[in-house]
Amino acid sequence: MAGSRLPVFDRRRAGVLLPLSALETPLGSGGRAFIDWLAAAGFSVWQILPVGPAGSDGSPYWVSSDHAGNPAFIDAAQVPDAPDALRPSAGEFLAASASWLPDYALFAALTQAHAGAPFWQWPPPLRDRDPLALARARLELAPDCARIEHEQYLFHVQWQRLRSYARSRGVRLFGDLPFYVAPSSAEVWTHRQLFQLTATGAPAAVAGVPPDYFSVTGQLWGNPLYDWQAMERADFRWWLARVSAQLRRFDLLRLDHFRALSAHWAVPATAPDARAGSWRSTPGEALLKRLAQRFRDLPLVAEDLGVITPDVVALKQEFRLPGMRVLQFAFDGDPANPHLPKLHARECVVYTGTHDNDTVLGWYTGLDHDSARRVAAQLGVGEHPDAVPGALLNAALGSRALLAILPAQDLLGLGSAARLNTPSTTHGNWSWRVPAGALTAELARHYASLNSTFGRG
């Protein structure tokens, strides 16, 4: 069972979902202060969204590199001059990162030099990675490349310190691996043969999902689709490298959009929305077998939300991966709804909501009258609907699921203004920040008591 295999599932635990972008100086004093608050509140897991270099919209699911970290998270006030046990020399870091860092630094420098244009709009010699053109660019952009490499070194040093501090306080780090990568990213530029692209390198087919809970036209993400035959011929080495990079940072990884390992929604790049797509098969079983060979116990959580078919369930069960349950999805009136607390499996992660949901308070106040009454009745607060948000948090902590994750906004009882992301929209997302002074000692004592009551630690 997952509870006997994965370190985060060794007992009943509770955690908090909070992206690094919501904190000031997250890799320095801000991150350590949050870890201290988690420990005081009885939480032992911090779930973090992807930490790569985000674009202008701030989305952590649209980054320019899988391997690099976002330099905006570095605490500039805590860049030491003296070495310590957690700080490799710059030379050691460069040697250990040789498989990705030089290409990423040049890609980032070239993107800046071309005013942010995607690589398929660069001059063909650079676009197509002509060796002479690349060598010339490395010379011309040497100062920029050196600065970018130094930023990555500082990110690595501060990340290792933060992780060490979390371990010292009994807090595990739970990461998030996007299924797809951004179209103009170092990964696509350097591995064009592994993606479905046009002759210039632009996406030929893109990712998304069909019409769903979040959108009647589906979600059109725009990420390039993988050439799965090429991935398999290469023994999935690219996937092994990206998972390995994240497991050097985290104790556990959520594999976003797990259902795409069974079949993925493929949309022509010229389509106006995701309704033009179709399901295509994915060699997910072969990929998971390679990952299981490489990583002991396969420390992954399957994001098994959305259109989940029996083949997706079978794939998750074959590799004994914990799945997800989201309480905001539970109260549609279907007694067999798997998100209902009474139907939760022990080996799963329960959430009040994810980064794509409204806050609990915003969700509940936005329900129609009949739905709101049904939720209140099923949570046992029938005549006291104002108690629903607190009752939903208690339902998550009381679930038989071994791990309960509460978004920070729900801990603070915040409304829709604190929503992190609204799928299928491009503005106003990823900007929420923890209000100054909100994580008080009194609030920590409150949640420490709740976690103790529900046997979580």
Protein backbone atom coordinates (compact mmCIF):
# COMPACT_ATOMS: atom_id res chain seq x y z
CA MET A 1 0.00 0.00 0.00
CA ALA A 2 1.06 3.57 -0.53
CA GLY A 3 1.03 4.13 3.21
CA SER A 4 3.87 1.65 3.65
CA ARG A 5 5.90 2.82 0.64
CA LEU A 6 6.08 6.58 0.51
CA PRO A 7 7.61 8.63 3.32
CA VAL A 8 4.90 11.31 3.24
CA PHE A 9 2.29 8.56 3.58
CA ASP A 10 3.82 6.94 6.65
CA ARG A 11 1.07 8.33 8.91
CA ARG A 12 -1.91 10.69 8.87
CA ARG A 13 -0.52 14.06 7.88
CA ALA A 14 -1.90 17.48 7.05
CA GLY A 15 -0.33 20.08 4.81
CA VAL A 16 -0.84 23.47 3.25
CA LEU A 17 -0.88 24.39 -0.44
CA LEU A 18 0.98 27.64 -0.98
CA PRO A 19 3.01 28.64 -4.07
CA LEU A 20 6.37 30.30 -3.49
CA SER A 21 5.06 33.33 -5.39
CA ALA A 22 2.65 34.08 -2.53
CA LEU A 23 5.52 34.79 -0.10
CA GLU A 24 8.08 37.54 0.18
CA THR A 25 11.65 36.14 -0.09
CA PRO A 26 10.39 32.54 -0.28
CA LEU A 27 13.86 30.97 -0.51
CA GLY A 28 15.09 32.95 2.47
CA SER A 29 13.50 34.49 5.53
CA GLY A 30 9.95 34.33 4.15
CA GLY A 31 10.12 30.61 3.44
CA ARG A 32 11.67 29.80 6.81
CA ALA A 33 9.04 31.86 8.64
CA PHE A 34 6.29 29.96 6.82
CA ILE A 35 7.90 26.63 7.72
CA ASP A 36 8.00 27.74 11.35
CA TRP A 37 4.30 28.58 11.18
CA LEU A 38 3.48 25.20 9.61
CA ALA A 39 5.33 23.36 12.37
CA ALA A 40 3.61 25.41 15.07
CA ALA A 41 0.21 24.71 13.47
CA GLY A 42 0.73 20.96 13.32
CA PHE A 43 1.22 20.74 9.57
CA SER A 44 4.03 18.55 8.29
CA VAL A 45 3.70 18.99 4.50
CA TRP A 46 4.14 22.08 2.34
CA GLN A 47 2.76 21.62 -1.16
CA ILE A 48 4.40 23.96 -3.65
CA LEU A 49 3.43 24.66 -7.24
CA PRO A 50 6.11 24.39 -9.99
CA VAL A 51 9.11 26.62 -9.29
CA GLY A 52 10.55 27.23 -12.78
CA PRO A 53 11.11 30.63 -14.44
CA ALA A 54 7.61 31.93 -15.21
CA GLY A 55 6.60 34.25 -18.04
CA SER A 56 4.92 37.62 -17.88
CA ASP A 57 1.60 36.11 -16.76
CA GLY A 58 3.26 34.48 -13.74
CA SER A 59 1.90 31.01 -14.46
CA PRO A 60 4.03 28.28 -12.85
CA TYR A 61 2.69 25.88 -15.50
CA TRP A 62 4.19 27.88 -18.37
CA VAL A 63 7.90 28.08 -17.64
CA SER A 64 10.98 28.50 -19.81
CA SER A 65 12.76 25.51 -18.27
CA ASP A 66 11.87 22.38 -16.33
CA HIS A 67 15.27 22.28 -14.67
CA ALA A 68 15.87 25.93 -13.82
CA GLY A 69 14.45 27.79 -10.84
CA ASN A 70 12.73 31.15 -10.83
CA PRO A 71 15.32 33.75 -9.79
CA ALA A 72 12.53 35.98 -8.46
CA PHE A 73 12.32 33.62 -5.46
CA ILE A 74 15.93 34.27 -4.35
CA ASP A 75 16.40 36.23 -1.12
CA ALA A 76 18.90 38.87 -2.25
CA ALA A 77 19.60 39.84 1.36
CA GLN A 78 20.87 36.35 2.17
CA VAL A 79 23.50 35.66 -0.47
CA PRO A 80 26.54 34.68 1.61
CA ASP A 81 30.15 35.08 0.60
CA ALA A 82 31.51 32.28 2.76
CA PRO A 83 31.00 28.61 1.85
CA ASP A 84 29.12 26.25 4.13
CA ALA A 85 28.19 22.59 4.22
CA LEU A 86 25.10 23.11 2.05
CA ARG A 87 26.80 25.25 -0.54
CA PRO A 88 28.70 23.51 -3.36
CA SER A 89 31.35 25.51 -5.13
CA ALA A 90 30.21 27.25 -8.29
CA GLY A 91 32.42 24.88 -10.26
CA GLU A 92 30.81 21.82 -8.69
CA PHE A 93 27.34 23.20 -9.45
CA LEU A 94 28.24 23.96 -13.06
CA ALA A 95 29.66 20.46 -13.55
CA ALA A 96 26.59 18.81 -12.01
CA SER A 97 24.28 20.95 -14.17
CA ALA A 98 26.17 20.57 -17.45
CA SER A 99 23.36 18.57 -19.08
CA TRP A 100 20.95 21.52 -19.00
CA LEU A 101 22.37 24.79 -17.62
CA PRO A 102 24.49 26.02 -20.59
CA ASP A 103 21.59 25.46 -22.99
CA TYR A 104 19.13 27.13 -20.63
CA ALA A 105 21.38 30.14 -20.03
CA LEU A 106 21.87 30.64 -23.76
CA PHE A 107 18.16 30.16 -24.44
CA ALA A 108 17.23 32.74 -21.79
CA ALA A 109 19.86 35.19 -23.05
CA LEU A 110 18.72 34.78 -26.66
CA THR A 111 15.09 35.24 -25.64
CA GLN A 112 16.02 38.51 -23.96
CA ALA A 113 18.07 39.56 -26.99
CA HIS A 114 15.07 38.93 -29.24
CA ALA A 115 12.65 40.94 -27.07
CA GLY A 116 10.90 37.82 -25.76
CA ALA A 117 10.04 36.40 -29.19
CA PRO A 118 9.55 32.59 -29.30
CA PHE A 119 12.53 30.71 -30.65
CA TRP A 120 10.80 29.79 -33.92
CA GLN A 121 10.82 33.51 -34.78
CA TRP A 122 14.58 33.83 -34.30
CA PRO A 123 16.98 33.86 -37.27
CA PRO A 124 17.04 30.31 -38.71
CA PRO A 125 20.63 29.52 -37.68
CA LEU A 126 19.79 30.21 -34.02
CA ARG A 127 16.30 28.75 -34.30
CA ASP A 128 17.72 25.51 -35.72
CA ARG A 129 20.76 25.44 -33.39
CA ASP A 130 23.45 25.71 -36.02
CA PRO A 131 26.71 24.97 -34.11
CA LEU A 132 28.59 27.99 -35.50
CA ALA A 133 25.68 30.33 -34.75
CA LEU A 134 25.43 28.99 -31.20
CA ALA A 135 29.16 29.37 -30.60
CA ARG A 136 29.04 32.97 -31.84
CA ALA A 137 26.01 33.71 -29.62
CA ARG A 138 27.74 32.26 -26.56
CA LEU A 139 30.63 34.65 -27.10
CA GLU A 140 28.46 37.69 -27.76
CA LEU A 141 26.12 36.97 -24.85
CA ALA A 142 28.75 35.65 -22.44
CA PRO A 143 28.02 38.24 -19.69
CA ASP A 144 24.29 37.52 -19.83
CA CYS A 145 24.86 33.75 -19.79
CA ALA A 146 27.22 34.08 -16.82
CA ARG A 147 24.63 36.15 -14.91
CA ILE A 148 21.89 33.61 -15.61
CA GLU A 149 24.10 30.70 -14.55
CA HIS A 150 24.99 32.55 -11.33
CA GLU A 151 21.30 33.12 -10.60
CA GLN A 152 20.69 29.39 -10.97
CA TYR A 153 23.57 28.67 -8.62
CA LEU A 154 22.09 30.99 -5.99
CA PHE A 155 18.65 29.40 -6.46
CA HIS A 156 20.14 25.96 -5.94
CA VAL A 157 22.03 27.00 -2.80
CA GLN A 158 19.05 28.71 -1.22
CA TRP A 159 16.71 25.86 -2.18
CA GLN A 160 18.95 23.30 -0.49
CA ARG A 161 19.06 25.44 2.64
CA LEU A 162 15.29 25.82 2.67
CA ARG A 163 14.78 22.09 2.24
CA SER A 164 17.27 21.34 5.00
CA TYR A 165 15.47 23.79 7.28
CA ALA A 166 12.12 22.18 6.46
CA ARG A 167 13.49 18.77 7.38
CA SER A 168 14.82 20.12 10.65
CA ARG A 169 11.29 21.30 11.50
CA GLY A 170 9.67 18.03 10.42
CA VAL A 171 8.14 19.49 7.25
CA ARG A 172 8.16 17.57 3.96
CA LEU A 173 8.13 19.35 0.59
CA PHE A 174 5.48 18.23 -1.92
CA GLY A 175 6.19 19.40 -5.47
CA ASP A 176 4.22 19.60 -8.67
CA LEU A 177 5.35 18.40 -12.10
CA PRO A 178 3.43 19.86 -15.05
CA PHE A 179 2.62 17.24 -17.64
CA TYR A 180 3.57 19.53 -20.53
CA VAL A 181 6.20 22.20 -21.12
CA ALA A 182 5.87 25.70 -22.57
CA PRO A 183 6.18 25.94 -26.38
CA SER A 184 9.12 28.35 -26.33
CA SER A 185 11.22 26.74 -23.65
CA ALA A 186 14.74 25.45 -23.36
CA GLU A 187 13.40 21.89 -23.43
CA VAL A 188 11.62 22.30 -26.77
CA TRP A 189 14.43 24.31 -28.35
CA THR A 190 17.05 21.70 -27.44
CA HIS A 191 14.90 18.56 -28.03
CA ARG A 192 12.75 19.43 -31.03
CA GLN A 193 12.73 15.81 -32.17
CA LEU A 194 10.68 14.84 -29.10
CA PHE A 195 7.73 17.16 -29.85
CA GLN A 196 5.06 17.55 -32.52
CA LEU A 197 6.29 20.71 -34.23
CA THR A 198 6.24 22.40 -37.61
CA ALA A 199 9.44 22.81 -39.62
CA THR A 200 10.16 26.09 -37.82
CA GLY A 201 9.69 24.62 -34.33
CA ALA A 202 6.25 26.09 -33.65
CA PRO A 203 3.67 23.65 -32.22
CA ALA A 204 1.80 21.61 -34.82
CA ALA A 205 -0.64 20.23 -32.25
CA VAL A 206 -1.31 21.50 -28.75
CA ALA A 207 -2.58 20.23 -25.43
CA GLY A 208 -5.82 20.86 -23.60
CA VAL A 209 -8.90 19.08 -22.33
CA PRO A 210 -12.42 18.74 -23.70
CA PRO A 211 -15.36 20.70 -22.23
CA ASP A 212 -15.36 20.19 -18.47
CA TYR A 213 -16.30 21.61 -15.07
CA PHE A 214 -14.24 24.72 -15.72
CA SER A 215 -15.17 25.57 -19.33
CA VAL A 216 -17.94 24.71 -21.82
CA THR A 217 -15.46 25.02 -24.69
CA GLY A 218 -12.80 22.96 -22.97
CA GLN A 219 -9.39 24.22 -22.01
CA LEU A 220 -6.88 25.06 -24.73
CA TRP A 221 -3.50 25.17 -23.03
CA GLY A 222 -1.29 25.65 -26.07
CA ASN A 223 1.59 23.43 -24.93
CA PRO A 224 3.20 21.38 -27.72
CA LEU A 225 2.34 17.70 -27.70
CA TYR A 226 5.03 15.08 -27.31
CA ASP A 227 6.07 12.79 -30.12
CA TRP A 228 5.51 9.72 -28.00
CA GLN A 229 7.06 7.32 -30.50
CA ALA A 230 10.27 9.37 -30.40
CA MET A 231 10.11 9.46 -26.59
CA GLU A 232 9.80 5.69 -26.45
CA ARG A 233 12.60 5.13 -28.97
CA ALA A 234 14.83 7.25 -26.73
CA ASP A 235 13.93 5.06 -23.73
CA PHE A 236 12.12 8.01 -22.12
CA ARG A 237 15.46 9.53 -21.07
CA TRP A 238 14.04 13.05 -21.30
CA TRP A 239 11.26 12.18 -18.85
CA LEU A 240 13.68 10.41 -16.53
CA ALA A 241 15.83 13.53 -16.41
CA ARG A 242 12.95 15.91 -15.65
CA VAL A 243 11.51 13.71 -12.89
CA SER A 244 14.98 13.21 -11.42
CA ALA A 245 15.54 16.98 -11.31
CA GLN A 246 12.33 17.51 -9.33
CA LEU A 247 12.94 14.64 -6.93
CA ARG A 248 16.23 16.28 -6.00
CA ARG A 249 14.12 19.16 -4.71
CA PHE A 250 11.04 17.45 -3.27
CA ASP A 251 10.04 14.51 -1.10
CA LEU A 252 6.94 13.81 -3.21
CA LEU A 253 5.66 14.94 -6.61
CA ARG A 254 2.15 15.49 -7.89
CA LEU A 255 2.06 14.45 -11.57
CA ASP A 256 -0.28 17.00 -13.10
CA HIS A 257 -2.86 15.82 -15.66
CA PHE A 258 -2.19 12.13 -14.96
CA ARG A 259 -5.01 11.04 -17.24
CA ALA A 260 -2.87 12.05 -20.25
CA LEU A 261 -0.65 9.04 -19.53
CA SER A 262 -3.52 6.89 -20.74
CA ALA A 263 -4.77 9.17 -23.52
CA HIS A 264 -4.20 12.84 -24.27
CA TRP A 265 -6.43 15.46 -25.87
CA ALA A 266 -4.79 16.60 -29.11
CA VAL A 267 -5.91 19.87 -30.67
CA PRO A 268 -4.68 21.24 -34.03
CA ALA A 269 -2.58 24.32 -33.35
CA THR A 270 -4.85 26.43 -35.57
CA ALA A 271 -8.07 25.51 -33.74
CA PRO A 272 -9.93 28.36 -31.96
CA ASP A 273 -10.73 26.28 -28.89
CA ALA A 274 -10.33 22.79 -27.42
CA ARG A 275 -13.57 21.38 -28.87
CA ALA A 276 -11.68 20.62 -32.09
CA GLY A 277 -9.49 18.07 -30.32
CA SER A 278 -9.58 14.29 -30.13
CA TRP A 279 -8.24 11.61 -27.80
CA ARG A 280 -4.94 9.98 -28.75
CA SER A 281 -3.31 7.07 -26.94
CA THR A 282 -0.21 7.53 -24.79
CA PRO A 283 2.39 4.86 -23.87
CA GLY A 284 1.96 5.76 -20.22
CA GLU A 285 2.39 2.23 -18.90
CA ALA A 286 5.79 1.96 -20.59
CA LEU A 287 6.83 5.36 -19.20
CA LEU A 288 5.74 4.54 -15.66
CA LYS A 289 7.61 1.23 -15.83
CA ARG A 290 10.81 3.09 -16.70
CA LEU A 291 10.20 5.58 -13.91
CA ALA A 292 9.55 2.76 -11.44
CA GLN A 293 12.83 1.11 -12.48
CA ARG A 294 14.71 4.35 -11.95
CA PHE A 295 13.09 5.66 -8.75
CA ARG A 296 12.50 3.46 -5.75
CA ASP A 297 8.85 3.39 -4.71
CA LEU A 298 7.88 5.90 -7.43
CA PRO A 299 7.09 8.89 -5.15
CA LEU A 300 4.27 10.31 -7.29
CA VAL A 301 0.71 11.40 -6.62
CA ALA A 302 -1.60 11.11 -9.61
CA GLU A 303 -3.70 14.18 -10.40
CA ASP A 304 -6.63 12.03 -11.46
CA LEU A 305 -9.24 14.76 -11.93
CA GLY A 306 -11.37 15.52 -14.97
CA VAL A 307 -12.51 12.90 -17.51
CA ILE A 308 -11.36 9.74 -15.74
CA THR A 309 -12.04 6.49 -17.58
CA PRO A 310 -11.48 2.90 -16.42
CA ASP A 311 -8.14 2.69 -18.23
CA VAL A 312 -6.86 5.71 -16.24
CA VAL A 313 -7.97 4.08 -12.99
CA ALA A 314 -6.30 0.82 -13.99
CA LEU A 315 -3.03 2.60 -14.78
CA LYS A 316 -3.03 4.36 -11.41
CA GLN A 317 -3.79 1.12 -9.58
CA GLU A 318 -1.17 -0.87 -11.49
CA PHE A 319 1.54 1.43 -10.14
CA ARG A 320 -0.14 1.90 -6.74
CA LEU A 321 -0.19 5.67 -7.01
CA PRO A 322 -2.25 7.75 -4.57
CA GLY A 323 -4.87 9.91 -6.28
CA MET A 324 -6.69 13.13 -5.39
CA ARG A 325 -10.10 13.97 -3.97
CA VAL A 326 -11.48 17.51 -4.01
CA LEU A 327 -14.33 18.34 -1.65
CA GLN A 328 -15.68 21.15 -3.83
CA PHE A 329 -16.49 18.46 -6.42
CA ALA A 330 -18.28 16.21 -3.93
CA PHE A 331 -21.78 17.62 -3.58
CA ASP A 332 -23.51 17.17 -6.93
CA GLY A 333 -26.17 14.88 -5.43
CA ASP A 334 -24.65 11.65 -6.77
CA PRO A 335 -24.32 9.20 -3.85
CA ALA A 336 -21.48 7.45 -5.72
CA ASN A 337 -19.44 10.62 -6.21
CA PRO A 338 -15.86 9.55 -5.31
CA HIS A 339 -15.11 12.98 -3.85
CA LEU A 340 -17.64 12.47 -1.02
CA PRO A 341 -15.71 12.12 2.25
CA LYS A 342 -17.35 8.78 3.09
CA LEU A 343 -15.97 7.28 -0.15
CA HIS A 344 -12.35 8.42 0.18
CA ALA A 345 -9.63 5.81 -0.09
CA ARG A 346 -6.97 5.73 2.60
CA GLU A 347 -4.20 6.06 0.02
CA CYS A 348 -5.14 9.40 -1.47
CA VAL A 349 -4.74 13.14 -0.94
CA VAL A 350 -7.85 15.12 -0.02
CA TYR A 351 -8.17 18.83 -0.78
CA THR A 352 -10.83 21.39 -0.03
CA GLY A 353 -9.89 22.84 -3.44
CA THR A 354 -6.88 23.01 -5.75
CA HIS A 355 -5.03 25.98 -7.22
CA ASP A 356 -7.63 25.99 -10.03
CA ASN A 357 -10.65 26.20 -7.70
CA ASP A 358 -12.21 29.21 -6.07
CA THR A 359 -11.59 29.51 -2.35
CA VAL A 360 -14.03 27.56 -0.17
CA LEU A 361 -15.78 30.75 0.91
CA GLY A 362 -15.99 32.04 -2.66
CA TRP A 363 -17.22 28.69 -3.96
CA TYR A 364 -19.92 28.32 -1.33
CA THR A 365 -21.25 31.87 -1.56
CA GLY A 366 -21.44 31.47 -5.34
CA LEU A 367 -23.69 28.39 -5.22
CA ASP A 368 -27.36 28.61 -6.10
CA HIS A 369 -29.82 28.31 -3.22
CA ASP A 370 -30.64 24.62 -3.68
CA SER A 371 -27.00 23.59 -4.08
CA ALA A 372 -25.98 25.60 -1.02
CA ARG A 373 -28.71 23.89 1.06
CA ARG A 374 -27.60 20.46 -0.16
CA VAL A 375 -23.97 21.15 0.77
CA ALA A 376 -24.95 22.47 4.21
CA ALA A 377 -27.18 19.46 4.84
CA GLN A 378 -24.58 16.91 3.77
CA LEU A 379 -21.97 18.58 5.98
CA GLY A 380 -24.37 18.45 8.90
CA VAL A 381 -24.73 22.21 9.43
CA GLY A 382 -28.20 22.46 7.90
CA GLU A 383 -29.54 25.53 9.71
CA HIS A 384 -26.18 27.24 9.97
CA PRO A 385 -24.86 27.74 6.42
CA ASP A 386 -22.28 30.25 7.63
CA ALA A 387 -20.52 27.26 9.18
CA VAL A 388 -20.01 25.54 5.80
CA PRO A 389 -16.46 26.79 5.07
CA GLY A 390 -15.21 25.63 8.46
CA ALA A 391 -17.10 22.36 8.14
CA LEU A 392 -15.49 21.66 4.77
CA LEU A 393 -12.02 22.15 6.27
CA ASN A 394 -12.97 19.81 9.10
CA ALA A 395 -14.25 17.26 6.57
CA ALA A 396 -10.88 17.31 4.83
CA LEU A 397 -8.97 16.87 8.08
CA GLY A 398 -11.41 14.17 9.20
CA SER A 399 -11.21 12.19 5.96
CA ARG A 400 -9.67 8.73 6.11
CA ALA A 401 -7.22 9.89 3.42
CA LEU A 402 -3.69 9.74 4.80
CA LEU A 403 -2.83 13.22 3.55
CA ALA A 404 -5.08 16.28 3.76
CA ILE A 405 -4.01 19.48 1.98
CA LEU A 406 -5.62 22.84 2.70
CA PRO A 407 -4.96 25.87 0.47
CA ALA A 408 -3.59 28.77 2.49
CA GLN A 409 -6.49 30.99 1.40
CA ASP A 410 -8.93 28.54 3.00
CA LEU A 411 -6.94 28.51 6.24
CA LEU A 412 -7.40 32.27 6.30
CA GLY A 413 -11.10 32.14 5.41
CA LEU A 414 -10.67 34.36 2.36
CA GLY A 415 -13.17 34.96 -0.45
CA SER A 416 -12.94 34.93 -4.22
CA ALA A 417 -10.60 37.92 -4.34
CA ALA A 418 -7.90 35.55 -3.07
CA ARG A 419 -8.46 32.97 -5.82
CA LEU A 420 -5.15 31.91 -7.34
CA ASN A 421 -6.17 30.86 -10.84
CA THR A 422 -9.28 30.67 -13.00
CA PRO A 423 -8.76 28.13 -15.80
CA SER A 424 -9.33 29.29 -19.39
CA THR A 425 -8.59 32.90 -18.44
CA THR A 426 -5.36 34.78 -19.04
CA HIS A 427 -5.61 37.82 -16.78
CA GLY A 428 -5.71 38.35 -13.04
CA ASN A 429 -4.20 34.99 -12.11
CA TRP A 430 -1.21 34.00 -9.95
CA SER A 431 -1.06 37.39 -8.24
CA TRP A 432 -2.39 36.58 -4.75
CA ARG A 433 0.03 37.14 -1.88
CA VAL A 434 -0.26 36.16 1.79
CA PRO A 435 -1.42 39.32 3.60
CA ALA A 436 1.18 40.72 5.97
CA GLY A 437 0.66 39.45 9.50
CA ALA A 438 -2.09 36.99 8.51
CA LEU A 439 -0.33 33.83 9.74
CA THR A 440 -0.58 34.57 13.43
CA ALA A 441 0.40 32.53 16.45
CA GLU A 442 -3.28 32.39 17.42
CA LEU A 443 -4.19 30.89 14.04
CA ALA A 444 -1.37 28.37 14.42
CA ARG A 445 -2.73 27.28 17.80
CA HIS A 446 -6.19 26.87 16.27
CA TYR A 447 -4.96 24.54 13.53
CA ALA A 448 -2.62 22.69 15.86
CA SER A 449 -5.68 21.84 17.93
CA LEU A 450 -7.65 20.74 14.86
CA ASN A 451 -4.82 18.60 13.54
CA SER A 452 -4.47 16.95 16.93
CA THR A 453 -8.23 16.33 17.10
CA PHE A 454 -8.22 14.61 13.72
CA GLY A 455 -5.05 12.63 14.40
CA ARG A 456 -2.88 14.45 11.90
CA GLY A 457 0.65 15.67 12.34
